[in-house]
Amino acid sequence: MSANVYSSLSNTTVYTDKLEISTTTANATLQVYAVALGTAAAAGNIYSAPISIPEQTVYQTYVGAGNKVTVVSTATFTALELGTASSAQQGVIGAGSY
């Protein structure tokens, strides 16, 4: 399976455990919402506060396959899925491991 590349993420389901986010001329904030096992409903942010990513930065982070991700920035950014879908959530939803 090829990795997905995103130029916008708003409550978007991701399919691997990690993301690499590259910012351009502005900071970005990242929020990762855990979904309730067996459902597609967001259950809450997995980090205690939004992650701030400085401009002109390449940042890798855990997001968990099957969870929902939002990235907000006033400039362009890209987000690349990395690795495999190995979280327990994937088995519950039925997508399996890649």
C-alpha atoms as a PDB file:
ATOM      1  CA  MET A   1       0.000   0.000   0.000  1.00  0.00           C
ATOM      2  CA  SER A   2       1.351   3.433  -0.862  1.00  0.00           C
ATOM      3  CA  ALA A   3       1.475   6.124   1.802  1.00  0.00           C
ATOM      4  CA  ASN A   4      -1.044   8.950   1.698  1.00  0.00           C
ATOM      5  CA  VAL A   5       0.185  12.533   1.402  1.00  0.00           C
ATOM      6  CA  TYR A   6      -2.102  15.292   2.665  1.00  0.00           C
ATOM      7  CA  SER A   7      -2.138  19.046   2.106  1.00  0.00           C
ATOM      8  CA  SER A   8      -5.053  19.522   4.514  1.00  0.00           C
ATOM      9  CA  LEU A   9      -6.201  17.519   7.523  1.00  0.00           C
ATOM     10  CA  SER A  10      -9.413  18.286   9.364  1.00  0.00           C
ATOM     11  CA  ASN A  11     -10.712  15.451  11.523  1.00  0.00           C
ATOM     12  CA  THR A  12      -9.256  13.070   8.918  1.00  0.00           C
ATOM     13  CA  THR A  13      -8.739   9.366   9.581  1.00  0.00           C
ATOM     14  CA  VAL A  14      -5.107   8.330   9.127  1.00  0.00           C
ATOM     15  CA  TYR A  15      -4.025   4.821   8.128  1.00  0.00           C
ATOM     16  CA  THR A  16      -0.537   4.500   9.642  1.00  0.00           C
ATOM     17  CA  ASP A  17       0.841   4.999  13.138  1.00  0.00           C
ATOM     18  CA  LYS A  18       3.105   7.958  12.317  1.00  0.00           C
ATOM     19  CA  LEU A  19       2.907  11.205  10.349  1.00  0.00           C
ATOM     20  CA  GLU A  20       5.674  13.419   9.031  1.00  0.00           C
ATOM     21  CA  ILE A  21       4.495  17.031   8.848  1.00  0.00           C
ATOM     22  CA  SER A  22       6.479  19.598   6.871  1.00  0.00           C
ATOM     23  CA  THR A  23       5.624  23.241   7.456  1.00  0.00           C
ATOM     24  CA  THR A  24       6.473  26.148   5.179  1.00  0.00           C
ATOM     25  CA  THR A  25       6.236  29.848   6.098  1.00  0.00           C
ATOM     26  CA  ALA A  26       4.008  29.561   9.186  1.00  0.00           C
ATOM     27  CA  ASN A  27       3.671  27.510  12.353  1.00  0.00           C
ATOM     28  CA  ALA A  28       1.135  24.700  12.491  1.00  0.00           C
ATOM     29  CA  THR A  29      -0.780  23.027  15.301  1.00  0.00           C
ATOM     30  CA  LEU A  30      -1.574  19.335  15.424  1.00  0.00           C
ATOM     31  CA  GLN A  31      -4.347  17.573  17.312  1.00  0.00           C
ATOM     32  CA  VAL A  32      -4.895  13.820  17.318  1.00  0.00           C
ATOM     33  CA  TYR A  33      -8.273  12.504  18.398  1.00  0.00           C
ATOM     34  CA  ALA A  34      -8.494   8.922  19.584  1.00  0.00           C
ATOM     35  CA  VAL A  35     -11.550   7.138  18.312  1.00  0.00           C
ATOM     36  CA  ALA A  36     -13.585   4.886  20.567  1.00  0.00           C
ATOM     37  CA  LEU A  37     -12.714   1.252  19.922  1.00  0.00           C
ATOM     38  CA  GLY A  38     -15.143  -0.286  17.469  1.00  0.00           C
ATOM     39  CA  THR A  39     -16.574   3.059  16.334  1.00  0.00           C
ATOM     40  CA  ALA A  40     -15.556   5.992  14.164  1.00  0.00           C
ATOM     41  CA  ALA A  41     -16.508   8.577  16.808  1.00  0.00           C
ATOM     42  CA  ALA A  42     -13.774  10.787  18.250  1.00  0.00           C
ATOM     43  CA  ALA A  43     -13.199  10.000  21.942  1.00  0.00           C
ATOM     44  CA  GLY A  44     -10.712  12.739  22.834  1.00  0.00           C
ATOM     45  CA  ASN A  45      -7.325  14.272  22.152  1.00  0.00           C
ATOM     46  CA  ILE A  46      -4.469  11.790  22.777  1.00  0.00           C
ATOM     47  CA  TYR A  47      -2.110  14.634  23.753  1.00  0.00           C
ATOM     48  CA  SER A  48      -2.840  16.923  26.714  1.00  0.00           C
ATOM     49  CA  ALA A  49      -2.466  20.025  24.507  1.00  0.00           C
ATOM     50  CA  PRO A  50      -2.189  20.716  20.772  1.00  0.00           C
ATOM     51  CA  ILE A  51       1.339  20.218  19.413  1.00  0.00           C
ATOM     52  CA  SER A  52       2.921  23.357  17.979  1.00  0.00           C
ATOM     53  CA  ILE A  53       5.155  22.810  14.947  1.00  0.00           C
ATOM     54  CA  PRO A  54       7.440  25.739  14.016  1.00  0.00           C
ATOM     55  CA  GLU A  55       7.651  27.093  10.479  1.00  0.00           C
ATOM     56  CA  GLN A  56      10.195  25.508   8.108  1.00  0.00           C
ATOM     57  CA  THR A  57      10.218  22.284  10.146  1.00  0.00           C
ATOM     58  CA  VAL A  58       9.911  18.591   9.377  1.00  0.00           C
ATOM     59  CA  TYR A  59       8.248  16.931  12.383  1.00  0.00           C
ATOM     60  CA  GLN A  60       7.488  13.246  12.931  1.00  0.00           C
ATOM     61  CA  THR A  61       4.935  12.130  15.503  1.00  0.00           C
ATOM     62  CA  TYR A  62       2.815   9.196  16.622  1.00  0.00           C
ATOM     63  CA  VAL A  63      -0.835   9.500  15.614  1.00  0.00           C
ATOM     64  CA  GLY A  64      -2.128   5.923  15.727  1.00  0.00           C
ATOM     65  CA  ALA A  65      -3.721   4.229  12.748  1.00  0.00           C
ATOM     66  CA  GLY A  66      -7.472   4.767  12.665  1.00  0.00           C
ATOM     67  CA  ASN A  67      -7.392   7.962  14.734  1.00  0.00           C
ATOM     68  CA  LYS A  68      -8.496  11.365  13.436  1.00  0.00           C
ATOM     69  CA  VAL A  69      -5.996  14.177  12.832  1.00  0.00           C
ATOM     70  CA  THR A  70      -6.397  17.935  12.441  1.00  0.00           C
ATOM     71  CA  VAL A  71      -3.559  20.251  11.372  1.00  0.00           C
ATOM     72  CA  VAL A  72      -4.130  24.009  11.310  1.00  0.00           C
ATOM     73  CA  SER A  73      -1.764  26.496   9.662  1.00  0.00           C
ATOM     74  CA  THR A  74      -2.058  29.854   7.911  1.00  0.00           C
ATOM     75  CA  ALA A  75       0.399  28.611   5.256  1.00  0.00           C
ATOM     76  CA  THR A  76       0.748  25.413   3.272  1.00  0.00           C
ATOM     77  CA  PHE A  77       2.016  22.183   4.820  1.00  0.00           C
ATOM     78  CA  THR A  78       2.267  18.541   3.825  1.00  0.00           C
ATOM     79  CA  ALA A  79       1.680  15.483   5.954  1.00  0.00           C
ATOM     80  CA  LEU A  80       3.017  12.091   4.906  1.00  0.00           C
ATOM     81  CA  GLU A  81       1.905   8.808   6.449  1.00  0.00           C
ATOM     82  CA  LEU A  82       4.884   6.759   7.675  1.00  0.00           C
ATOM     83  CA  GLY A  83       5.255   3.142   8.688  1.00  0.00           C
ATOM     84  CA  THR A  84       2.486   0.619   9.028  1.00  0.00           C
ATOM     85  CA  ALA A  85      -0.928   0.320  10.573  1.00  0.00           C
ATOM     86  CA  SER A  86      -0.038  -1.542  13.746  1.00  0.00           C
ATOM     87  CA  SER A  87      -2.262   0.003  16.396  1.00  0.00           C
ATOM     88  CA  ALA A  88      -4.947  -2.024  18.106  1.00  0.00           C
ATOM     89  CA  GLN A  89      -7.592   0.292  16.644  1.00  0.00           C
ATOM     90  CA  GLN A  90      -6.957  -1.019  13.122  1.00  0.00           C
ATOM     91  CA  GLY A  91      -7.836  -4.571  14.137  1.00  0.00           C
ATOM     92  CA  VAL A  92     -11.096  -3.420  15.699  1.00  0.00           C
ATOM     93  CA  ILE A  93     -12.218  -1.434  12.686  1.00  0.00           C
ATOM     94  CA  GLY A  94     -11.155  -4.263  10.403  1.00  0.00           C
ATOM     95  CA  ALA A  95      -8.605  -2.567   8.140  1.00  0.00           C
ATOM     96  CA  GLY A  96      -5.886  -4.993   9.241  1.00  0.00           C
ATOM     97  CA  SER A  97      -2.149  -4.437   9.175  1.00  0.00           C
ATOM     98  CA  TYR A  98      -0.244  -3.414   6.098  1.00  0.00           C
END
